[in-house]
Amino acid sequence: MLENEDIPFKWRAIVRHYLLKEVNPDTTMENHIFFMTERDFSYETFRELKAKFKMSVWIPPDGKRHRNGRYESREYKIEEIVKSEELHRQMDRIIVEELHLTKLALMTFAV
């Protein structure tokens, strides 16, 4: 992500300055957010940026409408991810697709 020219400079600076101090650069986004606690500085950073994550969540078959399991896209705030026990139980069946940040939150964040 840091070497992609399409990523805004300010976001790359935030990642280098705030997020990479707690995690290894080889850590995936899934591992980072699912092992994050409310006391972590990266959690506070994502919360200040009003980060939302679009994820594909595995929905098991219910036997009625859906006879087979399927993935469904859902959007979660960082607070919901860190506090949700259900998401943590399913973390091996969840794929993080996108990270959404607002331009206003990026503009007002001081690096």
PDB file of N, CA and C in Angstrom:
ATOM      1  N   MET A   1       0.826  -1.186   0.000  1.00  0.00           N
ATOM      2  CA  MET A   1       0.000   0.000   0.000  1.00  0.00           C
ATOM      3  C   MET A   1       0.875   1.256   0.000  1.00  0.00           C
ATOM      4  N   LEU A   2       1.992   1.205   0.667  1.00  0.00           N
ATOM      5  CA  LEU A   2       2.831   2.395   0.787  1.00  0.00           C
ATOM      6  C   LEU A   2       3.530   2.778  -0.518  1.00  0.00           C
ATOM      7  N   GLU A   3       3.699   1.817  -1.413  1.00  0.00           N
ATOM      8  CA  GLU A   3       4.402   2.107  -2.659  1.00  0.00           C
ATOM      9  C   GLU A   3       3.471   2.457  -3.812  1.00  0.00           C
ATOM     10  N   ASN A   4       2.168   2.386  -3.600  1.00  0.00           N
ATOM     11  CA  ASN A   4       1.202   2.690  -4.640  1.00  0.00           C
ATOM     12  C   ASN A   4       1.061   4.208  -4.776  1.00  0.00           C
ATOM     13  N   GLU A   5       1.261   4.719  -5.973  1.00  0.00           N
ATOM     14  CA  GLU A   5       1.197   6.160  -6.231  1.00  0.00           C
ATOM     15  C   GLU A   5      -0.232   6.717  -6.175  1.00  0.00           C
ATOM     16  N   ASP A   6      -1.236   5.830  -6.293  1.00  0.00           N
ATOM     17  CA  ASP A   6      -2.626   6.282  -6.251  1.00  0.00           C
ATOM     18  C   ASP A   6      -3.115   6.561  -4.831  1.00  0.00           C
ATOM     19  N   ILE A   7      -2.372   6.118  -3.851  1.00  0.00           N
ATOM     20  CA  ILE A   7      -2.734   6.334  -2.447  1.00  0.00           C
ATOM     21  C   ILE A   7      -2.305   7.751  -2.057  1.00  0.00           C
ATOM     22  N   PRO A   8      -3.183   8.518  -1.410  1.00  0.00           N
ATOM     23  CA  PRO A   8      -2.813   9.885  -1.010  1.00  0.00           C
ATOM     24  C   PRO A   8      -1.599   9.901  -0.075  1.00  0.00           C
ATOM     25  N   PHE A   9      -0.768  10.915  -0.244  1.00  0.00           N
ATOM     26  CA  PHE A   9       0.448  11.038   0.555  1.00  0.00           C
ATOM     27  C   PHE A   9       0.137  11.091   2.042  1.00  0.00           C
ATOM     28  N   LYS A  10      -0.910  11.798   2.413  1.00  0.00           N
ATOM     29  CA  LYS A  10      -1.234  11.944   3.831  1.00  0.00           C
ATOM     30  C   LYS A  10      -1.564  10.593   4.454  1.00  0.00           C
ATOM     31  N   TRP A  11      -2.289   9.741   3.731  1.00  0.00           N
ATOM     32  CA  TRP A  11      -2.604   8.412   4.253  1.00  0.00           C
ATOM     33  C   TRP A  11      -1.334   7.587   4.409  1.00  0.00           C
ATOM     34  N   ARG A  12      -0.440   7.669   3.435  1.00  0.00           N
ATOM     35  CA  ARG A  12       0.832   6.937   3.551  1.00  0.00           C
ATOM     36  C   ARG A  12       1.634   7.445   4.740  1.00  0.00           C
ATOM     37  N   ALA A  13       1.608   8.755   4.993  1.00  0.00           N
ATOM     38  CA  ALA A  13       2.318   9.327   6.141  1.00  0.00           C
ATOM     39  C   ALA A  13       1.695   8.845   7.456  1.00  0.00           C
ATOM     40  N   ILE A  14       0.380   8.758   7.504  1.00  0.00           N
ATOM     41  CA  ILE A  14      -0.301   8.264   8.713  1.00  0.00           C
ATOM     42  C   ILE A  14       0.075   6.806   8.962  1.00  0.00           C
ATOM     43  N   VAL A  15       0.087   6.006   7.911  1.00  0.00           N
ATOM     44  CA  VAL A  15       0.456   4.594   8.062  1.00  0.00           C
ATOM     45  C   VAL A  15       1.879   4.476   8.583  1.00  0.00           C
ATOM     46  N   ARG A  16       2.812   5.202   7.981  1.00  0.00           N
ATOM     47  CA  ARG A  16       4.215   5.137   8.425  1.00  0.00           C
ATOM     48  C   ARG A  16       4.391   5.647   9.849  1.00  0.00           C
ATOM     49  N   HIS A  17       3.763   6.769  10.153  1.00  0.00           N
ATOM     50  CA  HIS A  17       4.009   7.447  11.421  1.00  0.00           C
ATOM     51  C   HIS A  17       3.253   6.825  12.595  1.00  0.00           C
ATOM     52  N   TYR A  18       2.022   6.370  12.363  1.00  0.00           N
ATOM     53  CA  TYR A  18       1.186   5.900  13.466  1.00  0.00           C
ATOM     54  C   TYR A  18       0.963   4.396  13.489  1.00  0.00           C
ATOM     55  N   LEU A  19       0.674   3.788  12.349  1.00  0.00           N
ATOM     56  CA  LEU A  19       0.263   2.385  12.345  1.00  0.00           C
ATOM     57  C   LEU A  19       1.430   1.405  12.340  1.00  0.00           C
ATOM     58  N   LEU A  20       2.494   1.726  11.633  1.00  0.00           N
ATOM     59  CA  LEU A  20       3.609   0.781  11.544  1.00  0.00           C
ATOM     60  C   LEU A  20       4.464   0.735  12.800  1.00  0.00           C
ATOM     61  N   LYS A  21       4.199   1.607  13.759  1.00  0.00           N
ATOM     62  CA  LYS A  21       4.948   1.559  15.017  1.00  0.00           C
ATOM     63  C   LYS A  21       4.501   0.382  15.878  1.00  0.00           C
ATOM     64  N   GLU A  22       3.276  -0.100  15.678  1.00  0.00           N
ATOM     65  CA  GLU A  22       2.742  -1.201  16.486  1.00  0.00           C
ATOM     66  C   GLU A  22       2.783  -2.554  15.789  1.00  0.00           C
ATOM     67  N   VAL A  23       2.870  -2.562  14.479  1.00  0.00           N
ATOM     68  CA  VAL A  23       2.798  -3.831  13.757  1.00  0.00           C
ATOM     69  C   VAL A  23       3.950  -3.958  12.769  1.00  0.00           C
ATOM     70  N   ASN A  24       4.200  -5.172  12.386  1.00  0.00           N
ATOM     71  CA  ASN A  24       5.192  -5.484  11.379  1.00  0.00           C
ATOM     72  C   ASN A  24       4.648  -5.069  10.002  1.00  0.00           C
ATOM     73  N   PRO A  25       5.465  -4.511   9.128  1.00  0.00           N
ATOM     74  CA  PRO A  25       4.967  -4.116   7.792  1.00  0.00           C
ATOM     75  C   PRO A  25       4.387  -5.266   6.972  1.00  0.00           C
ATOM     76  N   ASP A  26       4.734  -6.509   7.310  1.00  0.00           N
ATOM     77  CA  ASP A  26       4.209  -7.667   6.578  1.00  0.00           C
ATOM     78  C   ASP A  26       2.849  -8.135   7.089  1.00  0.00           C
ATOM     79  N   THR A  27       2.347  -7.528   8.148  1.00  0.00           N
ATOM     80  CA  THR A  27       1.062  -7.911   8.729  1.00  0.00           C
ATOM     81  C   THR A  27      -0.071  -7.512   7.795  1.00  0.00           C
ATOM     82  N   THR A  28      -1.013  -8.427   7.608  1.00  0.00           N
ATOM     83  CA  THR A  28      -2.163  -8.114   6.757  1.00  0.00           C
ATOM     84  C   THR A  28      -3.152  -7.244   7.518  1.00  0.00           C
ATOM     85  N   MET A  29      -4.012  -6.570   6.781  1.00  0.00           N
ATOM     86  CA  MET A  29      -5.018  -5.712   7.394  1.00  0.00           C
ATOM     87  C   MET A  29      -5.962  -6.535   8.269  1.00  0.00           C
ATOM     88  N   GLU A  30      -6.328  -7.748   7.825  1.00  0.00           N
ATOM     89  CA  GLU A  30      -7.209  -8.603   8.619  1.00  0.00           C
ATOM     90  C   GLU A  30      -6.600  -8.898   9.984  1.00  0.00           C
ATOM     91  N   ASN A  31      -5.335  -9.331   9.985  1.00  0.00           N
ATOM     92  CA  ASN A  31      -4.686  -9.657  11.252  1.00  0.00           C
ATOM     93  C   ASN A  31      -4.555  -8.424  12.139  1.00  0.00           C
ATOM     94  N   HIS A  32      -4.257  -7.311  11.541  1.00  0.00           N
ATOM     95  CA  HIS A  32      -4.080  -6.096  12.330  1.00  0.00           C
ATOM     96  C   HIS A  32      -5.370  -5.685  13.030  1.00  0.00           C
ATOM     97  N   ILE A  33      -6.468  -5.633  12.307  1.00  0.00           N
ATOM     98  CA  ILE A  33      -7.698  -5.139  12.938  1.00  0.00           C
ATOM     99  C   ILE A  33      -8.335  -6.169  13.873  1.00  0.00           C
ATOM    100  N   PHE A  34      -8.178  -7.468  13.607  1.00  0.00           N
ATOM    101  CA  PHE A  34      -8.804  -8.456  14.475  1.00  0.00           C
ATOM    102  C   PHE A  34      -8.027  -8.687  15.771  1.00  0.00           C
ATOM    103  N   PHE A  35      -6.753  -8.365  15.800  1.00  0.00           N
ATOM    104  CA  PHE A  35      -5.969  -8.514  17.024  1.00  0.00           C
ATOM    105  C   PHE A  35      -5.758  -7.184  17.734  1.00  0.00           C
ATOM    106  N   MET A  36      -6.455  -6.164  17.290  1.00  0.00           N
ATOM    107  CA  MET A  36      -6.370  -4.832  17.879  1.00  0.00           C
ATOM    108  C   MET A  36      -7.247  -4.775  19.135  1.00  0.00           C
ATOM    109  N   THR A  37      -6.812  -3.998  20.114  1.00  0.00           N
ATOM    110  CA  THR A  37      -7.626  -3.772  21.311  1.00  0.00           C
ATOM    111  C   THR A  37      -7.957  -2.285  21.405  1.00  0.00           C
ATOM    112  N   GLU A  38      -8.852  -1.949  22.304  1.00  0.00           N
ATOM    113  CA  GLU A  38      -9.253  -0.554  22.467  1.00  0.00           C
ATOM    114  C   GLU A  38      -8.133   0.301  23.052  1.00  0.00           C
ATOM    115  N   ARG A  39      -7.131  -0.322  23.621  1.00  0.00           N
ATOM    116  CA  ARG A  39      -6.017   0.425  24.209  1.00  0.00           C
ATOM    117  C   ARG A  39      -4.901   0.724  23.199  1.00  0.00           C
ATOM    118  N   ASP A  40      -4.960   0.126  22.031  1.00  0.00           N
ATOM    119  CA  ASP A  40      -3.919   0.316  21.017  1.00  0.00           C
ATOM    120  C   ASP A  40      -4.009   1.709  20.395  1.00  0.00           C
ATOM    121  N   PHE A  41      -2.844   2.254  20.089  1.00  0.00           N
ATOM    122  CA  PHE A  41      -2.790   3.572  19.457  1.00  0.00           C
ATOM    123  C   PHE A  41      -3.349   3.523  18.040  1.00  0.00           C
ATOM    124  N   SER A  42      -3.167   2.403  17.358  1.00  0.00           N
ATOM    125  CA  SER A  42      -3.710   2.284  15.998  1.00  0.00           C
ATOM    126  C   SER A  42      -5.240   2.273  16.028  1.00  0.00           C
ATOM    127  N   TYR A  43      -5.846   1.723  17.079  1.00  0.00           N
ATOM    128  CA  TYR A  43      -7.307   1.772  17.227  1.00  0.00           C
ATOM    129  C   TYR A  43      -7.762   3.222  17.351  1.00  0.00           C
ATOM    130  N   GLU A  44      -7.077   3.984  18.176  1.00  0.00           N
ATOM    131  CA  GLU A  44      -7.418   5.402  18.330  1.00  0.00           C
ATOM    132  C   GLU A  44      -7.250   6.149  17.014  1.00  0.00           C
ATOM    133  N   THR A  45      -6.215   5.803  16.253  1.00  0.00           N
ATOM    134  CA  THR A  45      -5.980   6.443  14.957  1.00  0.00           C
ATOM    135  C   THR A  45      -7.124   6.145  13.995  1.00  0.00           C
ATOM    136  N   PHE A  46      -7.497   4.866  13.875  1.00  0.00           N
ATOM    137  CA  PHE A  46      -8.615   4.503  12.998  1.00  0.00           C
ATOM    138  C   PHE A  46      -9.916   5.148  13.464  1.00  0.00           C
ATOM    139  N   ARG A  47     -10.118   5.234  14.771  1.00  0.00           N
ATOM    140  CA  ARG A  47     -11.342   5.846  15.290  1.00  0.00           C
ATOM    141  C   ARG A  47     -11.400   7.334  14.966  1.00  0.00           C
ATOM    142  N   GLU A  48     -10.281   8.029  15.095  1.00  0.00           N
ATOM    143  CA  GLU A  48     -10.222   9.451  14.755  1.00  0.00           C
ATOM    144  C   GLU A  48     -10.467   9.677  13.257  1.00  0.00           C
ATOM    145  N   LEU A  49     -10.011   8.745  12.453  1.00  0.00           N
ATOM    146  CA  LEU A  49     -10.205   8.846  11.000  1.00  0.00           C
ATOM    147  C   LEU A  49     -11.585   8.369  10.560  1.00  0.00           C
ATOM    148  N   LYS A  50     -12.392   7.898  11.518  1.00  0.00           N
ATOM    149  CA  LYS A  50     -13.732   7.378  11.233  1.00  0.00           C
ATOM    150  C   LYS A  50     -13.683   6.270  10.176  1.00  0.00           C
ATOM    151  N   ALA A  51     -12.744   5.356  10.387  1.00  0.00           N
ATOM    152  CA  ALA A  51     -12.515   4.281   9.420  1.00  0.00           C
ATOM    153  C   ALA A  51     -13.664   3.278   9.423  1.00  0.00           C
ATOM    154  N   LYS A  52     -14.035   2.862   8.215  1.00  0.00           N
ATOM    155  CA  LYS A  52     -15.017   1.796   8.019  1.00  0.00           C
ATOM    156  C   LYS A  52     -14.367   0.763   7.098  1.00  0.00           C
ATOM    157  N   PHE A  53     -14.658  -0.490   7.357  1.00  0.00           N
ATOM    158  CA  PHE A  53     -14.086  -1.570   6.573  1.00  0.00           C
ATOM    159  C   PHE A  53     -15.201  -2.337   5.887  1.00  0.00           C
ATOM    160  N   LYS A  54     -15.061  -2.504   4.575  1.00  0.00           N
ATOM    161  CA  LYS A  54     -15.996  -3.331   3.815  1.00  0.00           C
ATOM    162  C   LYS A  54     -15.416  -4.739   3.827  1.00  0.00           C
ATOM    163  N   MET A  55     -16.221  -5.695   4.323  1.00  0.00           N
ATOM    164  CA  MET A  55     -15.744  -7.063   4.478  1.00  0.00           C
ATOM    165  C   MET A  55     -16.705  -8.051   3.841  1.00  0.00           C
ATOM    166  N   SER A  56     -16.159  -9.144   3.361  1.00  0.00           N
ATOM    167  CA  SER A  56     -16.967 -10.270   2.929  1.00  0.00           C
ATOM    168  C   SER A  56     -17.058 -11.229   4.103  1.00  0.00           C
ATOM    169  N   VAL A  57     -18.281 -11.425   4.601  1.00  0.00           N
ATOM    170  CA  VAL A  57     -18.522 -12.257   5.776  1.00  0.00           C
ATOM    171  C   VAL A  57     -19.219 -13.536   5.320  1.00  0.00           C
ATOM    172  N   TRP A  58     -18.750 -14.677   5.813  1.00  0.00           N
ATOM    173  CA  TRP A  58     -19.343 -15.956   5.448  1.00  0.00           C
ATOM    174  C   TRP A  58     -20.687 -16.122   6.166  1.00  0.00           C
ATOM    175  N   ILE A  59     -21.725 -16.394   5.373  1.00  0.00           N
ATOM    176  CA  ILE A  59     -23.067 -16.649   5.906  1.00  0.00           C
ATOM    177  C   ILE A  59     -23.347 -18.134   5.693  1.00  0.00           C
ATOM    178  N   PRO A  60     -23.503 -18.901   6.774  1.00  0.00           N
ATOM    179  CA  PRO A  60     -23.749 -20.338   6.612  1.00  0.00           C
ATOM    180  C   PRO A  60     -25.133 -20.602   6.025  1.00  0.00           C
ATOM    181  N   PRO A  61     -25.344 -21.800   5.456  1.00  0.00           N
ATOM    182  CA  PRO A  61     -26.665 -22.113   4.883  1.00  0.00           C
ATOM    183  C   PRO A  61     -27.721 -22.150   5.982  1.00  0.00           C
ATOM    184  N   ASP A  62     -28.912 -21.630   5.658  1.00  0.00           N
ATOM    185  CA  ASP A  62     -29.988 -21.641   6.643  1.00  0.00           C
ATOM    186  C   ASP A  62     -31.035 -22.706   6.337  1.00  0.00           C
ATOM    187  N   GLY A  63     -30.902 -23.392   5.201  1.00  0.00           N
ATOM    188  CA  GLY A  63     -31.802 -24.480   4.857  1.00  0.00           C
ATOM    189  C   GLY A  63     -33.100 -24.052   4.214  1.00  0.00           C
ATOM    190  N   LYS A  64     -33.413 -22.782   4.249  1.00  0.00           N
ATOM    191  CA  LYS A  64     -34.685 -22.316   3.679  1.00  0.00           C
ATOM    192  C   LYS A  64     -34.414 -21.623   2.349  1.00  0.00           C
ATOM    193  N   ARG A  65     -34.085 -20.336   2.413  1.00  0.00           N
ATOM    194  CA  ARG A  65     -33.826 -19.571   1.182  1.00  0.00           C
ATOM    195  C   ARG A  65     -32.465 -19.911   0.597  1.00  0.00           C
ATOM    196  N   HIS A  66     -31.503 -20.090   1.455  1.00  0.00           N
ATOM    197  CA  HIS A  66     -30.136 -20.323   0.991  1.00  0.00           C
ATOM    198  C   HIS A  66     -29.687 -21.717   1.432  1.00  0.00           C
ATOM    199  N   ARG A  67     -29.655 -22.610   0.476  1.00  0.00           N
ATOM    200  CA  ARG A  67     -29.267 -23.987   0.787  1.00  0.00           C
ATOM    201  C   ARG A  67     -27.755 -24.135   0.899  1.00  0.00           C
ATOM    202  N   ASN A  68     -27.026 -23.221   0.246  1.00  0.00           N
ATOM    203  CA  ASN A  68     -25.570 -23.238   0.303  1.00  0.00           C
ATOM    204  C   ASN A  68     -25.098 -22.000   1.051  1.00  0.00           C
ATOM    205  N   GLY A  69     -23.937 -22.106   1.678  1.00  0.00           N
ATOM    206  CA  GLY A  69     -23.362 -20.937   2.323  1.00  0.00           C
ATOM    207  C   GLY A  69     -22.904 -19.934   1.276  1.00  0.00           C
ATOM    208  N   ARG A  70     -22.722 -18.693   1.687  1.00  0.00           N
ATOM    209  CA  ARG A  70     -22.318 -17.667   0.734  1.00  0.00           C
ATOM    210  C   ARG A  70     -21.584 -16.563   1.486  1.00  0.00           C
ATOM    211  N   TYR A  71     -20.861 -15.756   0.726  1.00  0.00           N
ATOM    212  CA  TYR A  71     -20.227 -14.559   1.275  1.00  0.00           C
ATOM    213  C   TYR A  71     -21.134 -13.359   1.017  1.00  0.00           C
ATOM    214  N   GLU A  72     -21.204 -12.476   2.004  1.00  0.00           N
ATOM    215  CA  GLU A  72     -22.019 -11.273   1.881  1.00  0.00           C
ATOM    216  C   GLU A  72     -21.165 -10.071   2.282  1.00  0.00           C
ATOM    217  N   SER A  73     -21.205  -9.007   1.473  1.00  0.00           N
ATOM    218  CA  SER A  73     -20.442  -7.798   1.783  1.00  0.00           C
ATOM    219  C   SER A  73     -21.171  -6.971   2.826  1.00  0.00           C
ATOM    220  N   ARG A  74     -20.431  -6.579   3.844  1.00  0.00           N
ATOM    221  CA  ARG A  74     -20.974  -5.727   4.900  1.00  0.00           C
ATOM    222  C   ARG A  74     -19.930  -4.687   5.263  1.00  0.00           C
ATOM    223  N   GLU A  75     -20.398  -3.574   5.813  1.00  0.00           N
ATOM    224  CA  GLU A  75     -19.493  -2.504   6.221  1.00  0.00           C
ATOM    225  C   GLU A  75     -19.561  -2.337   7.732  1.00  0.00           C
ATOM    226  N   TYR A  76     -18.382  -2.295   8.364  1.00  0.00           N
ATOM    227  CA  TYR A  76     -18.284  -2.182   9.811  1.00  0.00           C
ATOM    228  C   TYR A  76     -17.374  -1.027  10.184  1.00  0.00           C
ATOM    229  N   LYS A  77     -17.732  -0.328  11.258  1.00  0.00           N
ATOM    230  CA  LYS A  77     -16.843   0.678  11.836  1.00  0.00           C
ATOM    231  C   LYS A  77     -15.787  -0.059  12.650  1.00  0.00           C
ATOM    232  N   ILE A  78     -14.666   0.602  12.889  1.00  0.00           N
ATOM    233  CA  ILE A  78     -13.587  -0.035  13.646  1.00  0.00           C
ATOM    234  C   ILE A  78     -14.054  -0.402  15.053  1.00  0.00           C
ATOM    235  N   GLU A  79     -14.920   0.410  15.642  1.00  0.00           N
ATOM    236  CA  GLU A  79     -15.436   0.118  16.982  1.00  0.00           C
ATOM    237  C   GLU A  79     -16.221  -1.194  16.997  1.00  0.00           C
ATOM    238  N   GLU A  80     -17.014  -1.429  15.945  1.00  0.00           N
ATOM    239  CA  GLU A  80     -17.804  -2.656  15.862  1.00  0.00           C
ATOM    240  C   GLU A  80     -16.914  -3.875  15.710  1.00  0.00           C
ATOM    241  N   ILE A  81     -15.847  -3.749  14.942  1.00  0.00           N
ATOM    242  CA  ILE A  81     -14.948  -4.877  14.720  1.00  0.00           C
ATOM    243  C   ILE A  81     -14.230  -5.258  15.998  1.00  0.00           C
ATOM    244  N   VAL A  82     -13.696  -4.281  16.688  1.00  0.00           N
ATOM    245  CA  VAL A  82     -12.913  -4.562  17.899  1.00  0.00           C
ATOM    246  C   VAL A  82     -13.794  -5.125  19.005  1.00  0.00           C
ATOM    247  N   LYS A  83     -15.034  -4.664  19.124  1.00  0.00           N
ATOM    248  CA  LYS A  83     -15.917  -5.089  20.217  1.00  0.00           C
ATOM    249  C   LYS A  83     -16.709  -6.364  19.917  1.00  0.00           C
ATOM    250  N   SER A  84     -16.825  -6.760  18.659  1.00  0.00           N
ATOM    251  CA  SER A  84     -17.692  -7.875  18.280  1.00  0.00           C
ATOM    252  C   SER A  84     -17.008  -9.227  18.494  1.00  0.00           C
ATOM    253  N   GLU A  85     -17.576 -10.026  19.388  1.00  0.00           N
ATOM    254  CA  GLU A  85     -17.063 -11.378  19.606  1.00  0.00           C
ATOM    255  C   GLU A  85     -17.400 -12.282  18.427  1.00  0.00           C
ATOM    256  N   GLU A  86     -18.547 -12.055  17.807  1.00  0.00           N
ATOM    257  CA  GLU A  86     -18.952 -12.874  16.664  1.00  0.00           C
ATOM    258  C   GLU A  86     -17.976 -12.729  15.497  1.00  0.00           C
ATOM    259  N   LEU A  87     -17.572 -11.497  15.198  1.00  0.00           N
ATOM    260  CA  LEU A  87     -16.604 -11.285  14.118  1.00  0.00           C
ATOM    261  C   LEU A  87     -15.266 -11.926  14.441  1.00  0.00           C
ATOM    262  N   HIS A  88     -14.862 -11.892  15.695  1.00  0.00           N
ATOM    263  CA  HIS A  88     -13.592 -12.505  16.083  1.00  0.00           C
ATOM    264  C   HIS A  88     -13.644 -14.029  15.971  1.00  0.00           C
ATOM    265  N   ARG A  89     -14.807 -14.615  16.251  1.00  0.00           N
ATOM    266  CA  ARG A  89     -14.946 -16.066  16.088  1.00  0.00           C
ATOM    267  C   ARG A  89     -14.877 -16.461  14.616  1.00  0.00           C
ATOM    268  N   GLN A  90     -15.374 -15.605  13.730  1.00  0.00           N
ATOM    269  CA  GLN A  90     -15.414 -15.906  12.302  1.00  0.00           C
ATOM    270  C   GLN A  90     -14.226 -15.335  11.534  1.00  0.00           C
ATOM    271  N   MET A  91     -13.224 -14.819  12.208  1.00  0.00           N
ATOM    272  CA  MET A  91     -12.178 -14.069  11.515  1.00  0.00           C
ATOM    273  C   MET A  91     -11.438 -14.875  10.453  1.00  0.00           C
ATOM    274  N   ASP A  92     -11.405 -16.200  10.552  1.00  0.00           N
ATOM    275  CA  ASP A  92     -10.742 -16.980   9.509  1.00  0.00           C
ATOM    276  C   ASP A  92     -11.605 -17.122   8.268  1.00  0.00           C
ATOM    277  N   ARG A  93     -12.877 -16.717   8.341  1.00  0.00           N
ATOM    278  CA  ARG A  93     -13.783 -16.766   7.185  1.00  0.00           C
ATOM    279  C   ARG A  93     -14.194 -15.378   6.716  1.00  0.00           C
ATOM    280  N   ILE A  94     -13.461 -14.354   7.138  1.00  0.00           N
ATOM    281  CA  ILE A  94     -13.774 -12.971   6.751  1.00  0.00           C
ATOM    282  C   ILE A  94     -12.644 -12.427   5.899  1.00  0.00           C
ATOM    283  N   ILE A  95     -13.012 -11.720   4.847  1.00  0.00           N
ATOM    284  CA  ILE A  95     -12.034 -11.100   3.951  1.00  0.00           C
ATOM    285  C   ILE A  95     -12.269  -9.597   3.971  1.00  0.00           C
ATOM    286  N   VAL A  96     -11.231  -8.840   4.296  1.00  0.00           N
ATOM    287  CA  VAL A  96     -11.337  -7.378   4.262  1.00  0.00           C
ATOM    288  C   VAL A  96     -11.147  -6.945   2.815  1.00  0.00           C
ATOM    289  N   GLU A  97     -12.151  -6.277   2.263  1.00  0.00           N
ATOM    290  CA  GLU A  97     -12.114  -5.856   0.868  1.00  0.00           C
ATOM    291  C   GLU A  97     -11.611  -4.428   0.714  1.00  0.00           C
ATOM    292  N   GLU A  98     -12.157  -3.511   1.512  1.00  0.00           N
ATOM    293  CA  GLU A  98     -11.838  -2.092   1.342  1.00  0.00           C
ATOM    294  C   GLU A  98     -11.770  -1.396   2.689  1.00  0.00           C
ATOM    295  N   LEU A  99     -11.005  -0.327   2.707  1.00  0.00           N
ATOM    296  CA  LEU A  99     -10.942   0.579   3.845  1.00  0.00           C
ATOM    297  C   LEU A  99     -11.515   1.900   3.377  1.00  0.00           C
ATOM    298  N   HIS A 100     -12.531   2.407   4.079  1.00  0.00           N
ATOM    299  CA  HIS A 100     -13.156   3.680   3.713  1.00  0.00           C
ATOM    300  C   HIS A 100     -12.780   4.746   4.727  1.00  0.00           C
ATOM    301  N   LEU A 101     -12.261   5.847   4.231  1.00  0.00           N
ATOM    302  CA  LEU A 101     -11.947   7.020   5.047  1.00  0.00           C
ATOM    303  C   LEU A 101     -12.611   8.224   4.399  1.00  0.00           C
ATOM    304  N   THR A 102     -13.099   9.146   5.204  1.00  0.00           N
ATOM    305  CA  THR A 102     -13.672  10.353   4.625  1.00  0.00           C
ATOM    306  C   THR A 102     -12.572  11.369   4.356  1.00  0.00           C
ATOM    307  N   LYS A 103     -12.778  12.178   3.356  1.00  0.00           N
ATOM    308  CA  LYS A 103     -11.793  13.215   3.032  1.00  0.00           C
ATOM    309  C   LYS A 103     -11.683  14.222   4.160  1.00  0.00           C
ATOM    310  N   LEU A 104     -12.808  14.529   4.795  1.00  0.00           N
ATOM    311  CA  LEU A 104     -12.800  15.484   5.893  1.00  0.00           C
ATOM    312  C   LEU A 104     -11.959  14.967   7.067  1.00  0.00           C
ATOM    313  N   ALA A 105     -12.109  13.678   7.390  1.00  0.00           N
ATOM    314  CA  ALA A 105     -11.317  13.107   8.481  1.00  0.00           C
ATOM    315  C   ALA A 105      -9.830  13.128   8.143  1.00  0.00           C
ATOM    316  N   LEU A 106      -9.485  12.844   6.894  1.00  0.00           N
ATOM    317  CA  LEU A 106      -8.073  12.914   6.475  1.00  0.00           C
ATOM    318  C   LEU A 106      -7.554  14.335   6.538  1.00  0.00           C
ATOM    319  N   MET A 107      -8.381  15.298   6.109  1.00  0.00           N
ATOM    320  CA  MET A 107      -7.952  16.704   6.120  1.00  0.00           C
ATOM    321  C   MET A 107      -7.704  17.220   7.519  1.00  0.00           C
ATOM    322  N   THR A 108      -8.563  16.842   8.456  1.00  0.00           N
ATOM    323  CA  THR A 108      -8.449  17.378   9.810  1.00  0.00           C
ATOM    324  C   THR A 108      -7.453  16.638  10.669  1.00  0.00           C
ATOM    325  N   PHE A 109      -6.967  15.477  10.220  1.00  0.00           N
ATOM    326  CA  PHE A 109      -6.004  14.692  10.985  1.00  0.00           C
ATOM    327  C   PHE A 109      -4.625  15.313  10.851  1.00  0.00           C
ATOM    328  N   ALA A 110      -4.003  15.611  11.967  1.00  0.00           N
ATOM    329  CA  ALA A 110      -2.676  16.226  11.955  1.00  0.00           C
ATOM    330  C   ALA A 110      -1.604  15.144  12.039  1.00  0.00           C
ATOM    331  N   VAL A 111      -0.658  15.190  11.110  1.00  0.00           N
ATOM    332  CA  VAL A 111       0.425  14.203  11.090  1.00  0.00           C
ATOM    333  C   VAL A 111       1.645  14.808  11.761  1.00  0.00           C
TER     334      VAL A 111
END
